[in-house]
Amino acid sequence: MSDSPDTPPRRAIKSFVTRAGRMGTGQIKALAELGPRFVLPFEPALLKPTEVFGREAPLVLEIGFGMGGATAQIAQTLPEHDFIGCEVHEPGVGALLKLIDEHQITNIRIVQHDAVEVLAQMIAPASLAGVHIFFPDPWHKKRHNKRRLIQAEFVATLIQHIRPGGYLHLATDWEPYAQQMLEVLSAEPGLENTATGYAEKPAYRPLTKFENRGIQLGHGVWDLVFKRR
């Protein structure tokens, strides 16, 4: 059913929130020098991972990597995997590029674009070994809950790009969002929970400084790990 002329258009799901940020000199230099090698252009054509990485390896998509610290650590912990990170925040892209250079990481590529569109146009069906979405914007106010990324429609689309046996790993420090995530993922027939309720934090996911500070203050963190049937 299409919207009538008097009905406001339905808001499209986006994987990001537009925000300003200052670029440090190191981030600017990293973007200029390393961007051509590690930042892939967004284009309406399916990605060919073997050409991008020069090898056959399980491919993991991360949606919204922030400043990239966890992404860099995970890529080093799992060198047998390749990682595509989607992030629109330019300082974060520059920060991850700096880490890639400092640690000589070869198994990460970045797409500086909305992950919803990247998924739709660049990621082949059933091609991902896993998807990571860590600490997405919780949209705390109830009237804004509909803007949350983890909703049934998006998850149904997302899992079409995960191969059978592949996984979806979510983490949040906002309990109401954790409850919504668990409800949405549990209702998706194409997914199976690997735990009873929430999962133990997988060893490959490092604790961020923000997360450590929250834990010290008594705040919870909830991980969810589901597998594609």
C-alpha atoms as a PDB file:
ATOM      1  CA  MET A   1       0.000   0.000   0.000  1.00  0.00           C
ATOM      2  CA  SER A   2       1.535   3.318  -1.056  1.00  0.00           C
ATOM      3  CA  ASP A   3       1.463   6.476   1.057  1.00  0.00           C
ATOM      4  CA  SER A   4      -1.222   8.978   0.090  1.00  0.00           C
ATOM      5  CA  PRO A   5      -0.204  12.574  -0.711  1.00  0.00           C
ATOM      6  CA  ASP A   6      -1.420  13.633   2.744  1.00  0.00           C
ATOM      7  CA  THR A   7       0.506  10.903   4.580  1.00  0.00           C
ATOM      8  CA  PRO A   8       4.086  11.635   5.667  1.00  0.00           C
ATOM      9  CA  PRO A   9       6.515   9.254   3.933  1.00  0.00           C
ATOM     10  CA  ARG A  10       7.677   6.308   6.021  1.00  0.00           C
ATOM     11  CA  ARG A  11      11.114   6.877   7.516  1.00  0.00           C
ATOM     12  CA  ALA A  12      13.688   4.568   5.974  1.00  0.00           C
ATOM     13  CA  ILE A  13      15.848   2.573   8.369  1.00  0.00           C
ATOM     14  CA  LYS A  14      19.394   3.859   8.551  1.00  0.00           C
ATOM     15  CA  SER A  15      22.351   2.246  10.289  1.00  0.00           C
ATOM     16  CA  PHE A  16      23.756   5.530  11.547  1.00  0.00           C
ATOM     17  CA  VAL A  17      23.070   8.871  13.175  1.00  0.00           C
ATOM     18  CA  THR A  18      24.602  11.938  11.544  1.00  0.00           C
ATOM     19  CA  ARG A  19      26.981  13.609  13.968  1.00  0.00           C
ATOM     20  CA  ALA A  20      29.770  16.141  13.787  1.00  0.00           C
ATOM     21  CA  GLY A  21      33.317  15.334  14.775  1.00  0.00           C
ATOM     22  CA  ARG A  22      36.705  16.965  14.652  1.00  0.00           C
ATOM     23  CA  MET A  23      39.394  15.292  12.582  1.00  0.00           C
ATOM     24  CA  GLY A  24      42.836  15.047  14.168  1.00  0.00           C
ATOM     25  CA  THR A  25      45.919  15.508  12.027  1.00  0.00           C
ATOM     26  CA  GLY A  26      46.733  11.801  12.322  1.00  0.00           C
ATOM     27  CA  GLN A  27      43.254  10.846  11.136  1.00  0.00           C
ATOM     28  CA  ILE A  28      43.449  13.264   8.205  1.00  0.00           C
ATOM     29  CA  LYS A  29      46.839  11.849   7.212  1.00  0.00           C
ATOM     30  CA  ALA A  30      45.572   8.263   7.525  1.00  0.00           C
ATOM     31  CA  LEU A  31      42.571   9.011   5.305  1.00  0.00           C
ATOM     32  CA  ALA A  32      44.777  10.593   2.659  1.00  0.00           C
ATOM     33  CA  GLU A  33      47.514   7.954   2.683  1.00  0.00           C
ATOM     34  CA  LEU A  34      45.668   4.741   3.568  1.00  0.00           C
ATOM     35  CA  GLY A  35      42.165   5.485   2.315  1.00  0.00           C
ATOM     36  CA  PRO A  36      42.921   4.517  -1.295  1.00  0.00           C
ATOM     37  CA  ARG A  37      44.052   1.058  -0.145  1.00  0.00           C
ATOM     38  CA  PHE A  38      41.636   0.230   2.653  1.00  0.00           C
ATOM     39  CA  VAL A  39      38.468   2.259   1.982  1.00  0.00           C
ATOM     40  CA  LEU A  40      36.261   0.709  -0.683  1.00  0.00           C
ATOM     41  CA  PRO A  41      34.011   2.989  -2.719  1.00  0.00           C
ATOM     42  CA  PHE A  42      30.294   2.471  -2.302  1.00  0.00           C
ATOM     43  CA  GLU A  43      28.873   1.277  -5.591  1.00  0.00           C
ATOM     44  CA  PRO A  44      25.810  -0.683  -6.737  1.00  0.00           C
ATOM     45  CA  ALA A  45      27.846  -3.780  -7.585  1.00  0.00           C
ATOM     46  CA  LEU A  46      28.408  -6.953  -5.592  1.00  0.00           C
ATOM     47  CA  LEU A  47      31.657  -7.071  -3.672  1.00  0.00           C
ATOM     48  CA  LYS A  48      34.127  -9.779  -4.697  1.00  0.00           C
ATOM     49  CA  PRO A  49      35.943 -10.603  -1.443  1.00  0.00           C
ATOM     50  CA  THR A  50      38.613 -12.778  -3.050  1.00  0.00           C
ATOM     51  CA  GLU A  51      39.614  -9.857  -5.249  1.00  0.00           C
ATOM     52  CA  VAL A  52      39.478  -7.359  -2.381  1.00  0.00           C
ATOM     53  CA  PHE A  53      41.499  -9.433   0.096  1.00  0.00           C
ATOM     54  CA  GLY A  54      43.430 -11.656  -2.280  1.00  0.00           C
ATOM     55  CA  ARG A  55      42.342 -14.879  -0.582  1.00  0.00           C
ATOM     56  CA  GLU A  56      39.416 -17.135   0.311  1.00  0.00           C
ATOM     57  CA  ALA A  57      38.355 -16.530   3.918  1.00  0.00           C
ATOM     58  CA  PRO A  58      35.196 -16.261   6.029  1.00  0.00           C
ATOM     59  CA  LEU A  59      33.790 -12.754   5.637  1.00  0.00           C
ATOM     60  CA  VAL A  60      32.351 -10.760   8.566  1.00  0.00           C
ATOM     61  CA  LEU A  61      30.417  -7.504   8.208  1.00  0.00           C
ATOM     62  CA  GLU A  62      30.528  -4.989  11.058  1.00  0.00           C
ATOM     63  CA  ILE A  63      27.856  -2.299  11.104  1.00  0.00           C
ATOM     64  CA  GLY A  64      28.903   0.922  12.841  1.00  0.00           C
ATOM     65  CA  PHE A  65      32.418   0.427  14.228  1.00  0.00           C
ATOM     66  CA  GLY A  66      32.699   3.814  15.956  1.00  0.00           C
ATOM     67  CA  MET A  67      36.371   4.667  16.464  1.00  0.00           C
ATOM     68  CA  GLY A  68      37.427   1.192  15.374  1.00  0.00           C
ATOM     69  CA  GLY A  69      39.297   0.004  18.454  1.00  0.00           C
ATOM     70  CA  ALA A  70      37.281  -3.183  18.887  1.00  0.00           C
ATOM     71  CA  THR A  71      37.307  -3.846  15.149  1.00  0.00           C
ATOM     72  CA  ALA A  72      41.084  -3.701  15.012  1.00  0.00           C
ATOM     73  CA  GLN A  73      41.438  -6.022  18.005  1.00  0.00           C
ATOM     74  CA  ILE A  74      38.946  -8.548  16.637  1.00  0.00           C
ATOM     75  CA  ALA A  75      40.691  -8.608  13.248  1.00  0.00           C
ATOM     76  CA  GLN A  76      43.976  -9.379  14.996  1.00  0.00           C
ATOM     77  CA  THR A  77      42.346 -12.030  17.196  1.00  0.00           C
ATOM     78  CA  LEU A  78      40.729 -13.706  14.157  1.00  0.00           C
ATOM     79  CA  PRO A  79      43.374 -13.406  11.410  1.00  0.00           C
ATOM     80  CA  GLU A  80      41.755 -16.233   9.454  1.00  0.00           C
ATOM     81  CA  HIS A  81      38.669 -14.027   8.885  1.00  0.00           C
ATOM     82  CA  ASP A  82      38.240 -10.976   6.666  1.00  0.00           C
ATOM     83  CA  PHE A  83      36.259  -7.954   7.857  1.00  0.00           C
ATOM     84  CA  ILE A  84      34.220  -5.293   6.091  1.00  0.00           C
ATOM     85  CA  GLY A  85      33.459  -2.385   8.412  1.00  0.00           C
ATOM     86  CA  CYS A  86      30.705   0.129   7.633  1.00  0.00           C
ATOM     87  CA  GLU A  87      30.926   3.527   9.295  1.00  0.00           C
ATOM     88  CA  VAL A  88      29.859   6.970   8.055  1.00  0.00           C
ATOM     89  CA  HIS A  89      31.590   8.956  10.829  1.00  0.00           C
ATOM     90  CA  GLU A  90      34.782  10.221   9.187  1.00  0.00           C
ATOM     91  CA  PRO A  91      36.878  10.609  12.379  1.00  0.00           C
ATOM     92  CA  GLY A  92      36.102   6.961  13.151  1.00  0.00           C
ATOM     93  CA  VAL A  93      37.226   5.900   9.682  1.00  0.00           C
ATOM     94  CA  GLY A  94      40.441   7.855  10.121  1.00  0.00           C
ATOM     95  CA  ALA A  95      41.002   6.363  13.586  1.00  0.00           C
ATOM     96  CA  LEU A  96      40.600   2.792  12.312  1.00  0.00           C
ATOM     97  CA  LEU A  97      42.947   3.489   9.408  1.00  0.00           C
ATOM     98  CA  LYS A  98      45.556   4.660  11.926  1.00  0.00           C
ATOM     99  CA  LEU A  99      45.175   1.409  13.862  1.00  0.00           C
ATOM    100  CA  ILE A 100      45.422  -0.621  10.659  1.00  0.00           C
ATOM    101  CA  ASP A 101      48.730   1.116   9.929  1.00  0.00           C
ATOM    102  CA  GLU A 102      50.115   0.913  13.471  1.00  0.00           C
ATOM    103  CA  HIS A 103      49.383  -2.808  13.810  1.00  0.00           C
ATOM    104  CA  GLN A 104      49.908  -3.733  10.148  1.00  0.00           C
ATOM    105  CA  ILE A 105      46.427  -5.259   9.894  1.00  0.00           C
ATOM    106  CA  THR A 106      45.660  -6.677   6.464  1.00  0.00           C
ATOM    107  CA  ASN A 107      42.240  -8.291   6.910  1.00  0.00           C
ATOM    108  CA  ILE A 108      40.048  -5.156   7.233  1.00  0.00           C
ATOM    109  CA  ARG A 109      38.412  -3.036   4.559  1.00  0.00           C
ATOM    110  CA  ILE A 110      36.085  -0.079   5.171  1.00  0.00           C
ATOM    111  CA  VAL A 111      33.035   1.231   3.347  1.00  0.00           C
ATOM    112  CA  GLN A 112      32.201   4.778   4.441  1.00  0.00           C
ATOM    113  CA  HIS A 113      28.504   4.564   3.726  1.00  0.00           C
ATOM    114  CA  ASP A 114      25.173   3.577   5.282  1.00  0.00           C
ATOM    115  CA  ALA A 115      25.348  -0.143   5.986  1.00  0.00           C
ATOM    116  CA  VAL A 116      21.704  -0.675   5.007  1.00  0.00           C
ATOM    117  CA  GLU A 117      22.523   0.371   1.441  1.00  0.00           C
ATOM    118  CA  VAL A 118      25.864  -1.452   1.454  1.00  0.00           C
ATOM    119  CA  LEU A 119      24.069  -4.624   2.469  1.00  0.00           C
ATOM    120  CA  ALA A 120      21.418  -4.225  -0.232  1.00  0.00           C
ATOM    121  CA  GLN A 121      23.756  -3.415  -3.088  1.00  0.00           C
ATOM    122  CA  MET A 122      27.242  -4.733  -2.319  1.00  0.00           C
ATOM    123  CA  ILE A 123      26.847  -7.903  -0.232  1.00  0.00           C
ATOM    124  CA  ALA A 124      25.839 -11.088  -2.045  1.00  0.00           C
ATOM    125  CA  PRO A 125      23.115 -13.334  -0.582  1.00  0.00           C
ATOM    126  CA  ALA A 126      24.370 -16.016   1.843  1.00  0.00           C
ATOM    127  CA  SER A 127      27.947 -14.724   1.597  1.00  0.00           C
ATOM    128  CA  LEU A 128      28.666 -13.640   5.180  1.00  0.00           C
ATOM    129  CA  ALA A 129      30.105 -15.884   7.874  1.00  0.00           C
ATOM    130  CA  GLY A 130      28.999 -13.384  10.485  1.00  0.00           C
ATOM    131  CA  VAL A 131      27.656  -9.929  11.281  1.00  0.00           C
ATOM    132  CA  HIS A 132      28.694  -7.751  14.227  1.00  0.00           C
ATOM    133  CA  ILE A 133      26.558  -4.871  15.508  1.00  0.00           C
ATOM    134  CA  PHE A 134      27.994  -3.553  18.754  1.00  0.00           C
ATOM    135  CA  PHE A 135      26.327  -0.797  20.794  1.00  0.00           C
ATOM    136  CA  PRO A 136      24.031   0.652  18.123  1.00  0.00           C
ATOM    137  CA  ASP A 137      22.220   3.852  19.039  1.00  0.00           C
ATOM    138  CA  PRO A 138      19.525   2.815  21.563  1.00  0.00           C
ATOM    139  CA  TRP A 139      17.229   5.786  20.887  1.00  0.00           C
ATOM    140  CA  HIS A 140      16.358   5.997  24.578  1.00  0.00           C
ATOM    141  CA  LYS A 141      13.108   7.954  24.318  1.00  0.00           C
ATOM    142  CA  LYS A 142      10.070   5.762  23.741  1.00  0.00           C
ATOM    143  CA  ARG A 143       8.790   7.895  20.880  1.00  0.00           C
ATOM    144  CA  HIS A 144      12.123   7.318  19.096  1.00  0.00           C
ATOM    145  CA  ASN A 145      12.215   3.525  19.562  1.00  0.00           C
ATOM    146  CA  LYS A 146      10.982   3.042  15.998  1.00  0.00           C
ATOM    147  CA  ARG A 147      14.314   4.456  14.790  1.00  0.00           C
ATOM    148  CA  ARG A 148      16.283   1.590  16.306  1.00  0.00           C
ATOM    149  CA  LEU A 149      18.208  -0.457  13.770  1.00  0.00           C
ATOM    150  CA  ILE A 150      17.288  -3.860  15.193  1.00  0.00           C
ATOM    151  CA  GLN A 151      13.742  -4.356  13.993  1.00  0.00           C
ATOM    152  CA  ALA A 152      12.054  -7.363  12.428  1.00  0.00           C
ATOM    153  CA  GLU A 153      12.122  -6.036   8.862  1.00  0.00           C
ATOM    154  CA  PHE A 154      15.823  -5.216   8.949  1.00  0.00           C
ATOM    155  CA  VAL A 155      16.786  -8.520  10.605  1.00  0.00           C
ATOM    156  CA  ALA A 156      14.807 -10.479   8.005  1.00  0.00           C
ATOM    157  CA  THR A 157      16.750  -8.673   5.275  1.00  0.00           C
ATOM    158  CA  LEU A 158      20.054  -8.997   7.087  1.00  0.00           C
ATOM    159  CA  ILE A 159      19.968 -12.767   7.508  1.00  0.00           C
ATOM    160  CA  GLN A 160      19.451 -13.263   3.784  1.00  0.00           C
ATOM    161  CA  HIS A 161      23.102 -12.242   3.446  1.00  0.00           C
ATOM    162  CA  ILE A 162      24.352 -14.632   6.164  1.00  0.00           C
ATOM    163  CA  ARG A 163      25.206 -18.130   5.035  1.00  0.00           C
ATOM    164  CA  PRO A 164      23.551 -21.113   6.775  1.00  0.00           C
ATOM    165  CA  GLY A 165      25.467 -21.750   9.987  1.00  0.00           C
ATOM    166  CA  GLY A 166      26.732 -18.174  10.052  1.00  0.00           C
ATOM    167  CA  TYR A 167      26.077 -15.946  13.032  1.00  0.00           C
ATOM    168  CA  LEU A 168      24.678 -12.583  14.095  1.00  0.00           C
ATOM    169  CA  HIS A 169      26.327 -11.034  17.153  1.00  0.00           C
ATOM    170  CA  LEU A 170      24.732  -8.013  18.834  1.00  0.00           C
ATOM    171  CA  ALA A 171      25.768  -6.175  21.994  1.00  0.00           C
ATOM    172  CA  THR A 172      24.179  -3.300  23.889  1.00  0.00           C
ATOM    173  CA  ASP A 173      24.486  -1.610  27.261  1.00  0.00           C
ATOM    174  CA  TRP A 174      20.853  -0.433  27.261  1.00  0.00           C
ATOM    175  CA  GLU A 175      18.635  -3.104  28.840  1.00  0.00           C
ATOM    176  CA  PRO A 176      15.335  -2.093  27.179  1.00  0.00           C
ATOM    177  CA  TYR A 177      17.067  -2.344  23.794  1.00  0.00           C
ATOM    178  CA  ALA A 178      18.577  -5.706  24.779  1.00  0.00           C
ATOM    179  CA  GLN A 179      15.057  -6.933  25.552  1.00  0.00           C
ATOM    180  CA  GLN A 180      13.821  -5.715  22.174  1.00  0.00           C
ATOM    181  CA  MET A 181      16.770  -7.339  20.404  1.00  0.00           C
ATOM    182  CA  LEU A 182      16.093 -10.664  22.095  1.00  0.00           C
ATOM    183  CA  GLU A 183      12.396 -10.472  21.216  1.00  0.00           C
ATOM    184  CA  VAL A 184      13.042  -9.576  17.560  1.00  0.00           C
ATOM    185  CA  LEU A 185      15.748 -12.191  16.989  1.00  0.00           C
ATOM    186  CA  SER A 186      13.810 -14.930  18.808  1.00  0.00           C
ATOM    187  CA  ALA A 187      10.779 -14.284  16.581  1.00  0.00           C
ATOM    188  CA  GLU A 188      12.788 -14.610  13.362  1.00  0.00           C
ATOM    189  CA  PRO A 189      12.318 -18.181  12.056  1.00  0.00           C
ATOM    190  CA  GLY A 190      15.587 -18.087  10.156  1.00  0.00           C
ATOM    191  CA  LEU A 191      17.604 -17.663  13.369  1.00  0.00           C
ATOM    192  CA  GLU A 192      18.423 -19.908  16.306  1.00  0.00           C
ATOM    193  CA  ASN A 193      19.706 -18.674  19.655  1.00  0.00           C
ATOM    194  CA  THR A 194      23.083 -20.129  20.682  1.00  0.00           C
ATOM    195  CA  ALA A 195      22.257 -19.514  24.343  1.00  0.00           C
ATOM    196  CA  THR A 196      19.291 -19.542  26.675  1.00  0.00           C
ATOM    197  CA  GLY A 197      18.455 -15.864  26.488  1.00  0.00           C
ATOM    198  CA  TYR A 198      21.551 -13.668  26.454  1.00  0.00           C
ATOM    199  CA  ALA A 199      24.969 -15.083  25.605  1.00  0.00           C
ATOM    200  CA  GLU A 200      28.255 -14.939  27.456  1.00  0.00           C
ATOM    201  CA  LYS A 201      30.530 -12.365  25.835  1.00  0.00           C
ATOM    202  CA  PRO A 202      32.492 -14.220  23.151  1.00  0.00           C
ATOM    203  CA  ALA A 203      36.237 -14.167  23.792  1.00  0.00           C
ATOM    204  CA  TYR A 204      36.943 -12.360  20.531  1.00  0.00           C
ATOM    205  CA  ARG A 205      34.942  -9.252  21.506  1.00  0.00           C
ATOM    206  CA  PRO A 206      37.164  -6.965  23.590  1.00  0.00           C
ATOM    207  CA  LEU A 207      35.900  -4.717  26.352  1.00  0.00           C
ATOM    208  CA  THR A 208      35.952  -1.081  25.280  1.00  0.00           C
ATOM    209  CA  LYS A 209      37.043   1.721  27.633  1.00  0.00           C
ATOM    210  CA  PHE A 210      33.437   2.942  27.676  1.00  0.00           C
ATOM    211  CA  GLU A 211      32.177  -0.539  28.498  1.00  0.00           C
ATOM    212  CA  ASN A 212      34.755  -1.066  31.249  1.00  0.00           C
ATOM    213  CA  ARG A 213      33.772   2.247  32.825  1.00  0.00           C
ATOM    214  CA  GLY A 214      30.115   1.241  32.707  1.00  0.00           C
ATOM    215  CA  ILE A 215      30.804  -2.127  34.315  1.00  0.00           C
ATOM    216  CA  GLN A 216      32.701  -0.416  37.143  1.00  0.00           C
ATOM    217  CA  LEU A 217      29.622   1.769  37.687  1.00  0.00           C
ATOM    218  CA  GLY A 218      27.412  -1.314  37.835  1.00  0.00           C
ATOM    219  CA  HIS A 219      25.944  -0.999  34.349  1.00  0.00           C
ATOM    220  CA  GLY A 220      25.127  -4.172  32.452  1.00  0.00           C
ATOM    221  CA  VAL A 221      26.143  -5.258  28.959  1.00  0.00           C
ATOM    222  CA  TRP A 222      24.109  -7.795  27.016  1.00  0.00           C
ATOM    223  CA  ASP A 223      25.442  -9.944  24.160  1.00  0.00           C
ATOM    224  CA  LEU A 224      23.213 -11.895  21.806  1.00  0.00           C
ATOM    225  CA  VAL A 225      24.610 -14.516  19.439  1.00  0.00           C
ATOM    226  CA  PHE A 226      22.201 -16.176  17.021  1.00  0.00           C
ATOM    227  CA  LYS A 227      22.948 -18.587  14.183  1.00  0.00           C
ATOM    228  CA  ARG A 228      21.373 -18.694  10.737  1.00  0.00           C
ATOM    229  CA  ARG A 229      19.439 -21.916  10.297  1.00  0.00           C
END
